[in-house]
Structures are given as C-alpha cells and as structure tokens.
Amino acid sequence: MSVFSIENILFVIPSVIIALTFHEAAHAFVAYKFGDPTAKLQGRLTLNPLKHLDIIGTLMLIFAHFGWAKPVPINPYYLQGNRRGKLILIAVAGVLFNFIIALISCLLLSLMYHSYLPYNDGVQAFLLQLAFINLILVVFNILPIPPLDGSKVLLELLPPQYAEKFSFLDRFGFIILIVLAISGLLGRFISPMIYGLLNFCFSIVGLA
C-alpha cells in the first residue's frame, strides 16, 4: 500500500486533512480542559482544517509519508496542580486521537468484510487510507525528536539537568528530521512500526 499512488490520491487528501485536523484539535481541547485558554483564544479549538493545516507539512504527509500541521500554542503557566503530568497528556492527545481514528476505520472495514455494512470499493479504499495516514502520524509523532510530541513527553520525563540539555536540540530538530527523511533512514525506521500497528488494529477488529 502506498500513499503516493495516482489511484489513491483522492482518498489520501481527505485522510490527511482529517488526521492532521483532529491531531491538533485534540491538543487544543485537552489543553483547554486543563485550564489553558491559549489555543481557544487563537481560534485553534476547532475542527476547521484551515485553522490547523500547514501547506508544506500537508504536502509532505501526502507525498513523503511524514508531515505536520501548525503547532498548537500551549502556555504551561495556566496549568495548575500536576503540571508535568498535564503537559504529557496534552502532548499524547494528538497521537491517541489518531490511533482511535485508525482503529475506528479498521472496525468499519471489518464490519464491511463480515457483511454487517454494505461493501463499497471506494469506501473500503478510503477507510484503509484513513487508517494508514493516522498511523503514520502516530508513529512519526512519538519519535523523541523536537518539535514532535515524543520529544515533549521525553522532556517532561527527564530530570531537570538532562531536560535542559535536551532542550538544546530544539533548534536542530527540523534539520535532523529532514536529513533522516532524505537519507531514507526515517522511512526504514518507521515503516515497520506503521505496518505493525496496522496489523495490530486489524487483529483487534477481527481482520487478521
């Protein structure tokens, strides 16, 4: 299965828009529930794709199997109580929602396969791409490379002295990602994880 294929491109584009939009909206929603109004005040507490999509990041996800949206602004000073725990939950909210969407897509595929829902080739292709794109975002974003969500979780888990040193990578994170992508190392590393997660979702819904 390839994201970059002419016959699937019409299914890939809406899948990318859905995946990126829900990913960023999830960050905004959890932050708002924890008391941070920053994203809401900037119009990011919405499912309007225009508020979240980054043109280059969207195209990269369509054609290069990795991409990004506009990062949701978070102000940790609004977070009361267990600030570290809340920042971790805000960081993982996006990938968690992407995984849920992928799992729901696989469940609908299973219902079609077992004839509980009407079968349609176009719907099947769309659901498969929707699951695949969302799992790309799951795996890509858990990488501990700034500014990805995985790096934010790691930053909160590290002792302060190591966290300060790790923060130094912020200015180089994007360059690291581009180098890994161009070299092919990124694809070779995340592809087995993406297909492994896809097979895991299939097994949960009875398609394995």
Protein backbone atom coordinates (compact mmCIF):
# COMPACT_ATOMS: atom_id res chain seq x y z
CA MET A 1 0.00 0.00 0.00
CA SER A 2 1.47 3.35 -0.99
CA VAL A 3 0.30 6.82 -0.10
CA PHE A 4 1.94 8.16 -3.25
CA SER A 5 -0.21 6.49 -5.91
CA ILE A 6 -2.40 8.15 -8.52
CA GLU A 7 -5.35 5.81 -7.99
CA ASN A 8 -5.43 6.54 -4.26
CA ILE A 9 -4.68 10.28 -4.22
CA LEU A 10 -8.34 11.31 -3.92
CA PHE A 11 -8.61 9.18 -0.79
CA VAL A 12 -5.27 10.32 0.63
CA ILE A 13 -6.04 14.06 0.59
CA PRO A 14 -9.19 13.93 2.79
CA SER A 15 -7.48 11.36 5.03
CA VAL A 16 -4.55 13.72 5.58
CA ILE A 17 -6.87 16.66 6.30
CA ILE A 18 -8.87 14.63 8.82
CA ALA A 19 -5.79 13.19 10.53
CA LEU A 20 -3.93 16.49 10.91
CA THR A 21 -7.03 18.43 11.95
CA PHE A 22 -8.08 16.00 14.67
CA HIS A 23 -4.49 15.67 15.87
CA GLU A 24 -4.11 19.39 16.53
CA ALA A 25 -7.68 19.87 17.76
CA ALA A 26 -7.06 17.14 20.33
CA HIS A 27 -4.03 19.03 21.68
CA ALA A 28 -6.12 22.22 21.89
CA PHE A 29 -9.09 20.50 23.55
CA VAL A 30 -7.06 18.76 26.27
CA ALA A 31 -5.07 21.94 26.99
CA TYR A 32 -8.32 23.91 27.29
CA LYS A 33 -9.81 21.29 29.64
CA PHE A 34 -6.71 21.62 31.82
CA GLY A 35 -7.23 25.38 32.07
CA ASP A 36 -5.07 26.76 29.25
CA PRO A 37 -7.18 29.07 27.03
CA THR A 38 -4.31 29.98 24.68
CA ALA A 39 -5.34 27.72 21.79
CA LYS A 40 -9.02 28.70 22.13
CA LEU A 41 -8.17 32.40 22.07
CA GLN A 42 -6.20 31.84 18.85
CA GLY A 43 -9.08 30.01 17.18
CA ARG A 44 -7.48 26.56 17.39
CA LEU A 45 -10.20 24.88 19.45
CA THR A 46 -12.00 23.87 16.27
CA LEU A 47 -12.28 21.15 13.63
CA ASN A 48 -11.93 23.72 10.86
CA PRO A 49 -8.92 22.39 8.86
CA LEU A 50 -7.95 25.90 7.72
CA LYS A 51 -7.03 26.75 11.31
CA HIS A 52 -4.64 23.83 11.64
CA LEU A 53 -3.11 22.86 8.29
CA ASP A 54 0.36 23.87 7.21
CA ILE A 55 0.64 23.76 3.42
CA ILE A 56 4.17 22.33 3.28
CA GLY A 57 3.54 19.88 6.11
CA THR A 58 0.33 18.66 4.49
CA LEU A 59 2.01 18.10 1.12
CA MET A 60 4.90 16.32 2.82
CA LEU A 61 2.50 13.90 4.50
CA ILE A 62 0.76 13.20 1.18
CA PHE A 63 3.91 12.60 -0.85
CA ALA A 64 6.71 11.78 1.63
CA HIS A 65 4.92 9.75 4.33
CA PHE A 66 5.69 12.30 7.06
CA GLY A 67 4.33 15.74 7.73
CA TRP A 68 2.98 18.22 10.21
CA ALA A 69 0.35 20.86 10.92
CA LYS A 70 0.61 24.23 12.68
CA PRO A 71 1.63 23.50 16.28
CA VAL A 72 -1.00 24.33 18.89
CA PRO A 73 0.24 27.03 21.30
CA ILE A 74 0.44 25.88 24.92
CA ASN A 75 1.10 28.09 27.95
CA PRO A 76 2.14 25.82 30.85
CA TYR A 77 1.68 28.63 33.38
CA TYR A 78 -2.09 28.19 33.10
CA LEU A 79 -1.81 24.56 34.21
CA GLN A 80 -2.48 24.04 37.90
CA GLY A 81 -1.55 21.05 40.03
CA ASN A 82 0.46 18.32 38.32
CA ARG A 83 1.82 20.47 35.51
CA ARG A 84 4.24 17.84 34.24
CA GLY A 85 1.55 15.17 34.01
CA LYS A 86 -0.83 17.54 32.24
CA LEU A 87 1.81 18.57 29.71
CA ILE A 88 2.43 14.89 28.94
CA LEU A 89 -1.30 14.26 28.45
CA ILE A 90 -1.57 17.30 26.18
CA ALA A 91 1.39 16.02 24.14
CA VAL A 92 -0.02 12.50 23.70
CA ALA A 93 -3.60 13.64 23.00
CA GLY A 94 -2.92 14.06 19.27
CA VAL A 95 -1.43 10.61 18.67
CA LEU A 96 -4.05 8.99 20.89
CA PHE A 97 -6.82 10.51 18.79
CA ASN A 98 -5.06 9.44 15.58
CA PHE A 99 -4.89 5.89 16.87
CA ILE A 100 -8.59 5.96 17.79
CA ILE A 101 -9.49 7.15 14.27
CA ALA A 102 -7.34 4.39 12.76
CA LEU A 103 -8.99 1.78 14.98
CA ILE A 104 -12.48 3.01 14.10
CA SER A 105 -11.55 2.89 10.40
CA CYS A 106 -10.39 -0.72 10.78
CA LEU A 107 -13.57 -1.59 12.68
CA LEU A 108 -15.71 -0.22 9.84
CA LEU A 109 -13.61 -2.23 7.37
CA SER A 110 -14.23 -5.33 9.45
CA LEU A 111 -17.97 -4.69 9.53
CA MET A 112 -17.93 -4.37 5.73
CA TYR A 113 -15.85 -7.54 5.35
CA HIS A 114 -18.23 -9.52 7.54
CA SER A 115 -21.25 -8.08 5.70
CA TYR A 116 -22.62 -6.09 8.64
CA LEU A 117 -22.26 -2.98 6.46
CA PRO A 118 -22.74 -2.66 2.68
CA TYR A 119 -19.50 -3.26 0.79
CA ASN A 120 -18.17 -0.49 -1.45
CA ASP A 121 -14.74 -0.38 -3.14
CA GLY A 122 -14.39 3.38 -2.77
CA VAL A 123 -15.35 3.41 0.90
CA GLN A 124 -13.00 0.50 1.56
CA ALA A 125 -10.08 2.31 -0.11
CA PHE A 126 -10.82 5.49 1.83
CA LEU A 127 -11.04 3.73 5.20
CA LEU A 128 -7.79 1.90 4.53
CA GLN A 129 -6.01 5.13 3.67
CA LEU A 130 -7.57 6.89 6.66
CA ALA A 131 -6.23 4.20 8.99
CA PHE A 132 -2.81 4.27 7.32
CA ILE A 133 -2.40 8.05 7.40
CA ASN A 134 -3.44 8.27 11.04
CA LEU A 135 -0.96 5.55 11.99
CA ILE A 136 1.78 7.42 10.14
CA LEU A 137 1.09 10.39 12.41
CA VAL A 138 1.07 8.14 15.48
CA VAL A 139 4.48 6.63 14.74
CA PHE A 140 6.06 9.83 13.39
CA ASN A 141 4.97 11.93 16.36
CA ILE A 142 6.18 9.55 19.05
CA LEU A 143 9.76 9.98 17.84
CA PRO A 144 11.78 11.82 20.53
CA ILE A 145 12.97 14.49 18.10
CA PRO A 146 11.96 18.15 18.61
CA PRO A 147 9.40 19.50 17.92
CA LEU A 148 7.49 16.19 17.72
CA ASP A 149 5.18 15.12 20.54
CA GLY A 150 7.53 12.36 21.63
CA SER A 151 10.21 14.94 22.41
CA LYS A 152 7.76 16.87 24.60
CA VAL A 153 6.93 13.76 26.59
CA LEU A 154 10.62 12.91 26.99
CA LEU A 155 11.38 16.48 28.06
CA GLU A 156 8.87 16.19 30.91
CA LEU A 157 10.16 12.78 31.99
CA LEU A 158 13.84 13.71 32.09
CA PRO A 159 15.44 15.06 35.28
CA PRO A 160 15.80 18.89 35.10
CA GLN A 161 19.55 18.81 34.42
CA TYR A 162 19.10 16.50 31.43
CA ALA A 163 15.94 18.22 30.23
CA GLU A 164 17.85 21.49 29.90
CA LYS A 165 20.49 19.80 27.75
CA PHE A 166 17.84 18.06 25.66
CA SER A 167 16.10 21.40 25.02
CA PHE A 168 19.23 22.47 23.16
CA LEU A 169 18.13 20.19 20.31
CA ASP A 170 15.04 22.31 19.64
CA ARG A 171 16.86 24.49 17.13
CA PHE A 172 18.16 21.46 15.22
CA GLY A 173 15.12 19.17 15.32
CA PHE A 174 13.69 20.10 11.93
CA ILE A 175 17.11 19.74 10.29
CA ILE A 176 17.55 16.31 11.88
CA LEU A 177 14.16 15.19 10.53
CA ILE A 178 14.93 16.43 7.00
CA VAL A 179 18.31 14.68 6.99
CA LEU A 180 16.73 11.43 8.23
CA ALA A 181 13.99 11.68 5.59
CA ILE A 182 16.34 12.43 2.68
CA SER A 183 18.73 9.65 3.72
CA GLY A 184 15.88 7.16 3.80
CA LEU A 185 16.59 6.24 7.42
CA LEU A 186 13.33 7.74 8.63
CA GLY A 187 11.23 5.65 6.28
CA ARG A 188 13.14 2.45 7.02
CA PHE A 189 12.70 3.02 10.73
CA ILE A 190 9.03 3.99 10.92
CA SER A 191 7.57 1.84 8.11
CA PRO A 192 7.76 -1.47 10.04
CA MET A 193 6.18 0.25 13.04
CA ILE A 194 3.33 1.66 10.93
CA TYR A 195 2.51 -1.70 9.34
CA GLY A 196 2.91 -3.42 12.70
CA LEU A 197 0.33 -1.06 14.22
CA LEU A 198 -1.95 -1.55 11.23
CA ASN A 199 -1.80 -5.33 11.68
CA PHE A 200 -2.42 -4.83 15.40
CA CYS A 201 -5.57 -2.82 14.63
CA PHE A 202 -6.68 -5.50 12.16
CA SER A 203 -6.23 -8.17 14.81
CA ILE A 204 -8.30 -6.23 17.33
CA VAL A 205 -11.26 -5.92 14.94
CA GLY A 206 -11.01 -9.48 13.59
CA LEU A 207 -9.32 -8.87 10.25
CA ALA A 208 -6.01 -10.60 10.99
